[in-house]
């Protein structure tokens, strides 16, 4: 069976009512092991929503009280397994085979995960990423909207996150890979460059200004080799400071693409502001009774 045929096994790491919470080390090792072996894992968190249920087989893992589990409908392909007397990876493989789900062990996705317990919604990742991976929801909360745009082996956005809130499960070292965040990690992250401060709050504007300055210099110097040397120097600095792979650097948008994107973003913002002003002006002025006077 190919990777595009059949259904995936959806693994749910459950720690709610009817189960005993996992320790930090066990939780990390379980998640990383399953992800490293190609399993799709969901961990429900109180107050947060997860993807809606579909017709794919589901494996519920955790330290479960098997006698207290809710009944499952006949049309639902759900398997409950307790980690108290079973090993996570072996259990997931057994259930995958029993359910007929496809094997994805050769496919290791690369994507960012936001730890909302640490995230302060500072939007630095949104400002920094040039591949439109991040966006905001209806409540203006940062989200990962286009994970397919993320460049494999590039953890750069996590490098600029001041709260160590962006995780890459496939990264080789902690805390970026989801390992326990220690006090020294937070202190080290706090020393990172603040992109907003560095670029005056407008990444695209700063890049446009840099492009205009470069054009002025080029028009007087007419030395293309110097321009290429400057580009190589800047790319080398990015690779060293943010651990960005060469192939990712080569796919960075051109100056013209960035300028066009800035124009679109500005037009979108102006349209949103105009719409908000229209809605505001259309509302009736509150009466004294409505104000409670």
Protein backbone atom coordinates (compact mmCIF):
# COMPACT_ATOMS: atom_id res chain seq x y z
CA UNK A 1 0.00 0.00 0.00
CA UNK A 2 1.39 3.41 -0.92
CA UNK A 3 1.49 6.45 1.32
CA UNK A 4 -1.49 7.97 -0.51
CA UNK A 5 -3.77 4.94 -0.22
CA UNK A 6 -5.86 3.87 2.76
CA UNK A 7 -6.35 5.66 6.06
CA UNK A 8 -3.93 6.75 8.72
CA UNK A 9 -4.11 5.47 12.27
CA UNK A 10 -4.84 8.41 14.53
CA UNK A 11 -3.17 8.05 17.93
CA UNK A 12 -4.67 10.00 20.85
CA UNK A 13 -2.49 10.37 23.95
CA UNK A 14 -5.18 10.66 26.61
CA UNK A 15 -4.65 12.04 30.14
CA UNK A 16 -8.16 13.18 31.09
CA UNK A 17 -10.87 11.69 33.35
CA UNK A 18 -10.58 7.94 33.54
CA UNK A 19 -6.82 8.09 33.10
CA UNK A 20 -3.70 8.98 35.06
CA UNK A 21 -1.52 11.86 33.74
CA UNK A 22 1.86 10.88 32.35
CA UNK A 23 5.08 12.22 33.80
CA UNK A 24 6.94 14.84 31.78
CA UNK A 25 9.69 12.43 30.73
CA UNK A 26 7.30 9.63 29.79
CA UNK A 27 5.07 12.03 27.86
CA UNK A 28 8.01 13.42 25.88
CA UNK A 29 9.46 10.00 25.11
CA UNK A 30 6.07 8.63 24.04
CA UNK A 31 5.28 11.55 21.76
CA UNK A 32 8.72 11.73 20.17
CA UNK A 33 8.91 7.96 19.62
CA UNK A 34 5.52 7.81 17.91
CA UNK A 35 6.24 10.87 15.76
CA UNK A 36 9.69 9.60 14.81
CA UNK A 37 8.08 6.41 13.54
CA UNK A 38 5.51 8.17 11.36
CA UNK A 39 2.41 8.07 13.58
CA UNK A 40 0.00 10.99 13.73
CA UNK A 41 -0.48 11.90 17.40
CA UNK A 42 -3.08 14.10 19.08
CA UNK A 43 -2.83 15.14 22.72
CA UNK A 44 -6.07 16.75 23.98
CA UNK A 45 -5.50 19.67 26.35
CA UNK A 46 -8.14 21.14 28.66
CA UNK A 47 -9.69 24.26 27.13
CA UNK A 48 -8.32 23.54 23.64
CA UNK A 49 -10.01 21.97 20.62
CA UNK A 50 -8.65 19.10 18.54
CA UNK A 51 -9.36 18.11 14.97
CA UNK A 52 -12.88 16.72 14.48
CA UNK A 53 -13.37 12.97 14.39
CA UNK A 54 -13.33 11.27 11.00
CA UNK A 55 -13.75 7.70 9.81
CA UNK A 56 -10.08 6.81 10.36
CA UNK A 57 -9.18 4.21 13.02
CA UNK A 58 -8.27 5.68 16.39
CA UNK A 59 -5.93 4.35 19.07
CA UNK A 60 -6.42 5.87 22.53
CA UNK A 61 -3.24 5.51 24.61
CA UNK A 62 -2.63 6.40 28.24
CA UNK A 63 -2.63 5.07 31.76
CA UNK A 64 -6.29 4.16 31.44
CA UNK A 65 -8.82 2.66 33.81
CA UNK A 66 -10.19 0.15 31.31
CA UNK A 67 -13.36 -0.43 33.35
CA UNK A 68 -14.26 3.28 33.39
CA UNK A 69 -14.00 3.84 29.63
CA UNK A 70 -17.10 5.08 27.78
CA UNK A 71 -18.87 2.78 25.31
CA UNK A 72 -17.98 3.12 21.65
CA UNK A 73 -20.51 2.95 18.84
CA UNK A 74 -20.50 0.02 16.45
CA UNK A 75 -19.63 2.32 13.57
CA UNK A 76 -16.51 3.65 15.32
CA UNK A 77 -13.14 1.96 14.86
CA UNK A 78 -11.60 2.87 18.24
CA UNK A 79 -8.98 0.91 20.18
CA UNK A 80 -8.18 1.55 23.87
CA UNK A 81 -4.79 0.49 25.19
CA UNK A 82 -3.23 1.21 28.58
CA UNK A 83 0.44 2.15 28.79
CA UNK A 84 0.55 0.60 32.25
CA UNK A 85 1.13 -2.84 30.75
CA UNK A 86 2.01 -2.04 27.11
CA UNK A 87 4.72 -0.25 25.17
CA UNK A 88 3.50 2.67 23.03
CA UNK A 89 5.30 2.01 19.74
CA UNK A 90 4.71 -1.75 19.72
CA UNK A 91 1.05 -1.21 20.59
CA UNK A 92 0.60 1.39 17.85
CA UNK A 93 2.15 -0.93 15.26
CA UNK A 94 -0.07 -3.84 16.36
CA UNK A 95 -3.24 -1.72 16.17
CA UNK A 96 -2.19 -0.28 12.81
CA UNK A 97 -1.87 -3.78 11.38
CA UNK A 98 -5.14 -4.95 12.95
CA UNK A 99 -7.06 -1.93 11.65
CA UNK A 100 -5.57 -2.09 8.15
CA UNK A 101 -4.23 1.46 8.36
CA UNK A 102 -1.42 2.45 6.03
CA UNK A 103 2.20 2.53 7.11
CA UNK A 104 3.99 5.89 7.14
CA UNK A 105 7.23 4.96 8.83
CA UNK A 106 9.29 6.20 5.87
CA UNK A 107 7.55 9.59 5.94
CA UNK A 108 8.76 11.99 8.61
CA UNK A 109 6.82 15.26 8.45
CA UNK A 110 8.45 18.56 9.41
CA UNK A 111 6.13 21.10 10.97
CA UNK A 112 6.00 23.59 13.85
CA UNK A 113 3.84 23.08 16.95
CA UNK A 114 2.90 26.02 19.17
CA UNK A 115 2.95 25.43 22.93
CA UNK A 116 0.06 27.68 23.94
CA UNK A 117 0.95 27.28 27.62
CA UNK A 118 4.10 29.32 26.87
CA UNK A 119 3.02 31.42 23.87
CA UNK A 120 2.37 35.12 24.63
CA UNK A 121 1.01 35.89 21.14
CA UNK A 122 3.89 38.27 20.41
CA UNK A 123 3.65 37.45 16.67
CA UNK A 124 7.42 37.34 16.14
CA UNK A 125 7.09 34.04 14.28
CA UNK A 126 4.45 35.57 12.00
CA UNK A 127 6.69 38.56 11.33
CA UNK A 128 9.78 36.46 10.76
CA UNK A 129 8.57 33.59 8.56
CA UNK A 130 8.64 34.40 4.84
CA UNK A 131 6.81 31.22 3.82
CA UNK A 132 3.34 32.05 5.21
CA UNK A 133 3.37 29.17 7.67
CA UNK A 134 1.74 31.21 10.44
CA UNK A 135 -1.51 33.15 10.62
CA UNK A 136 -4.11 34.34 13.10
CA UNK A 137 -7.57 33.00 13.86
CA UNK A 138 -10.78 34.93 14.44
CA UNK A 139 -9.66 35.80 17.97
CA UNK A 140 -6.32 37.17 16.71
CA UNK A 141 -4.49 34.19 18.20
CA UNK A 142 -1.36 33.00 16.41
CA UNK A 143 -1.81 29.63 14.70
CA UNK A 144 0.01 27.30 12.31
CA UNK A 145 -2.15 27.66 9.21
CA UNK A 146 0.01 26.39 6.33
CA UNK A 147 2.25 23.69 7.75
CA UNK A 148 2.90 22.32 4.24
CA UNK A 149 4.79 25.56 3.47
CA UNK A 150 7.32 24.85 6.22
CA UNK A 151 10.81 24.00 4.97
CA UNK A 152 12.16 20.66 6.15
CA UNK A 153 14.97 20.87 8.72
CA UNK A 154 14.50 24.64 9.18
CA UNK A 155 13.89 25.59 12.87
CA UNK A 156 14.55 29.33 12.35
CA UNK A 157 11.21 30.59 13.70
CA UNK A 158 11.77 28.71 16.96
CA UNK A 159 15.13 30.47 17.25
CA UNK A 160 13.47 33.90 17.35
CA UNK A 161 10.65 32.88 19.73
CA UNK A 162 11.45 34.58 23.07
CA UNK A 163 9.30 32.14 25.08
CA UNK A 164 10.55 28.79 23.71
CA UNK A 165 6.97 28.21 22.55
CA UNK A 166 7.61 26.84 19.03
CA UNK A 167 8.48 23.16 18.83
CA UNK A 168 9.67 20.95 15.98
CA UNK A 169 9.15 17.29 16.98
CA UNK A 170 11.70 16.14 14.39
CA UNK A 171 14.50 18.43 15.54
CA UNK A 172 17.50 16.68 17.04
CA UNK A 173 17.99 18.72 20.23
CA UNK A 174 15.93 20.18 23.05
CA UNK A 175 14.07 22.22 23.92
CA UNK A 176 13.11 22.81 20.27
CA UNK A 177 12.12 19.13 19.85
CA UNK A 178 9.63 19.34 22.74
CA UNK A 179 11.98 18.38 25.54
CA UNK A 180 11.52 19.88 29.02
CA UNK A 181 12.21 23.63 29.04
CA UNK A 182 14.74 24.46 31.74
CA UNK A 183 15.53 27.79 33.38
CA UNK A 184 18.78 28.13 31.42
CA UNK A 185 16.86 27.55 28.19
CA UNK A 186 14.54 30.46 28.95
CA UNK A 187 17.49 32.66 29.84
CA UNK A 188 19.26 31.76 26.62
CA UNK A 189 16.15 32.39 24.52
CA UNK A 190 15.67 35.78 26.19
CA UNK A 191 19.03 36.85 24.75
CA UNK A 192 17.91 36.24 21.18
CA UNK A 193 17.53 39.06 18.72
CA UNK A 194 14.12 40.72 18.86
CA UNK A 195 13.13 40.92 15.20
CA UNK A 196 10.70 43.77 15.87
CA UNK A 197 13.35 45.87 17.58
CA UNK A 198 16.03 45.02 15.05
CA UNK A 199 13.93 45.93 12.04
CA UNK A 200 11.92 48.76 13.52
CA UNK A 201 8.67 46.77 13.65
CA UNK A 202 8.26 46.32 9.90
CA UNK A 203 10.18 43.44 8.35
CA UNK A 204 8.95 43.97 4.81
CA UNK A 205 9.45 47.75 5.02
CA UNK A 206 13.02 47.26 6.18
CA UNK A 207 13.69 44.83 3.36
CA UNK A 208 12.24 47.32 0.85
CA UNK A 209 14.48 50.06 2.21
CA UNK A 210 17.45 47.74 2.04
CA UNK A 211 16.60 46.93 -1.56
CA UNK A 212 16.33 50.62 -2.48
CA UNK A 213 19.66 51.39 -0.82
CA UNK A 214 21.22 48.47 -2.65
CA UNK A 215 19.90 49.77 -5.95
CA UNK A 216 21.40 53.19 -5.27
CA UNK A 217 24.77 51.67 -4.47
CA UNK A 218 24.62 49.43 -7.51
CA UNK A 219 23.72 52.33 -9.79
CA UNK A 220 26.89 54.16 -8.76
CA UNK A 221 29.25 51.23 -8.31
CA UNK A 222 28.00 48.97 -11.13
CA UNK A 223 29.73 46.03 -9.51
CA UNK A 224 27.54 42.92 -9.64
CA UNK A 225 30.18 40.77 -7.97
CA UNK A 226 30.01 42.90 -4.81
CA UNK A 227 26.24 42.46 -4.67
CA UNK A 228 26.57 38.69 -4.96
CA UNK A 229 29.28 38.65 -2.31
CA UNK A 230 27.05 40.66 0.04
CA UNK A 231 24.19 38.22 -0.52
CA UNK A 232 26.42 35.24 0.23
CA UNK A 233 27.68 36.93 3.38
CA UNK A 234 24.14 37.60 4.64
CA UNK A 235 22.99 34.07 3.85
CA UNK A 236 26.01 32.66 5.65
CA UNK A 237 25.15 34.75 8.71
CA UNK A 238 21.57 33.44 8.69
CA UNK A 239 22.78 29.86 8.38
CA UNK A 240 25.19 30.25 11.30
CA UNK A 241 22.90 32.13 13.69
CA UNK A 242 19.58 30.39 12.99
CA UNK A 243 20.65 26.93 11.81
CA UNK A 244 18.91 27.33 8.42
CA UNK A 245 19.79 24.67 5.80
CA UNK A 246 21.33 25.81 2.50
CA UNK A 247 18.41 24.51 0.45
CA UNK A 248 16.00 26.63 2.48
CA UNK A 249 18.09 29.75 2.01
CA UNK A 250 18.05 29.18 -1.73
CA UNK A 251 14.22 29.19 -1.71
CA UNK A 252 13.89 32.56 0.03
CA UNK A 253 11.61 34.96 -1.89
CA UNK A 254 13.26 37.48 -4.18
CA UNK A 255 13.26 41.19 -3.38
CA UNK A 256 10.45 41.69 -5.91
CA UNK A 257 8.35 38.95 -4.28
CA UNK A 258 8.81 40.49 -0.86
CA UNK A 259 7.88 43.94 -2.15
CA UNK A 260 4.75 42.56 -3.84
CA UNK A 261 3.79 40.73 -0.64
CA UNK A 262 4.22 43.92 1.38
CA UNK A 263 1.91 45.80 -1.00
CA UNK A 264 -0.74 43.07 -0.68
CA UNK A 265 -0.44 43.05 3.11
CA UNK A 266 -0.81 46.83 3.27
CA UNK A 267 -3.88 46.77 1.01
CA UNK A 268 -5.43 44.00 3.11
CA UNK A 269 -4.83 45.98 6.30
CA UNK A 270 -6.35 49.15 4.83
CA UNK A 271 -9.38 47.19 3.66
CA UNK A 272 -9.83 45.68 7.12
CA UNK A 273 -9.54 49.08 8.79
CA UNK A 274 -12.05 50.58 6.36
CA UNK A 275 -14.48 47.74 7.01
CA UNK A 276 -14.12 48.15 10.76
CA UNK A 277 -14.71 51.91 10.47
CA UNK A 278 -17.81 51.30 8.34
CA UNK A 279 -19.23 48.89 10.89
CA UNK A 280 -18.43 51.30 13.70
CA UNK A 281 -20.10 54.26 11.96
CA UNK A 282 -23.22 52.21 11.19
CA UNK A 283 -23.90 51.49 14.85
CA UNK A 284 -26.50 53.77 16.51
CA UNK A 285 -25.32 56.10 19.24
CA UNK A 286 -26.26 54.64 22.67
CA UNK A 287 -29.09 56.41 24.48
CA UNK A 288 -28.92 57.56 28.09
CA UNK A 289 -31.04 54.56 29.11
CA UNK A 290 -28.65 52.16 27.36
CA UNK A 291 -25.76 53.75 29.15
CA UNK A 292 -27.63 53.27 32.43
CA UNK A 293 -27.80 57.00 33.18
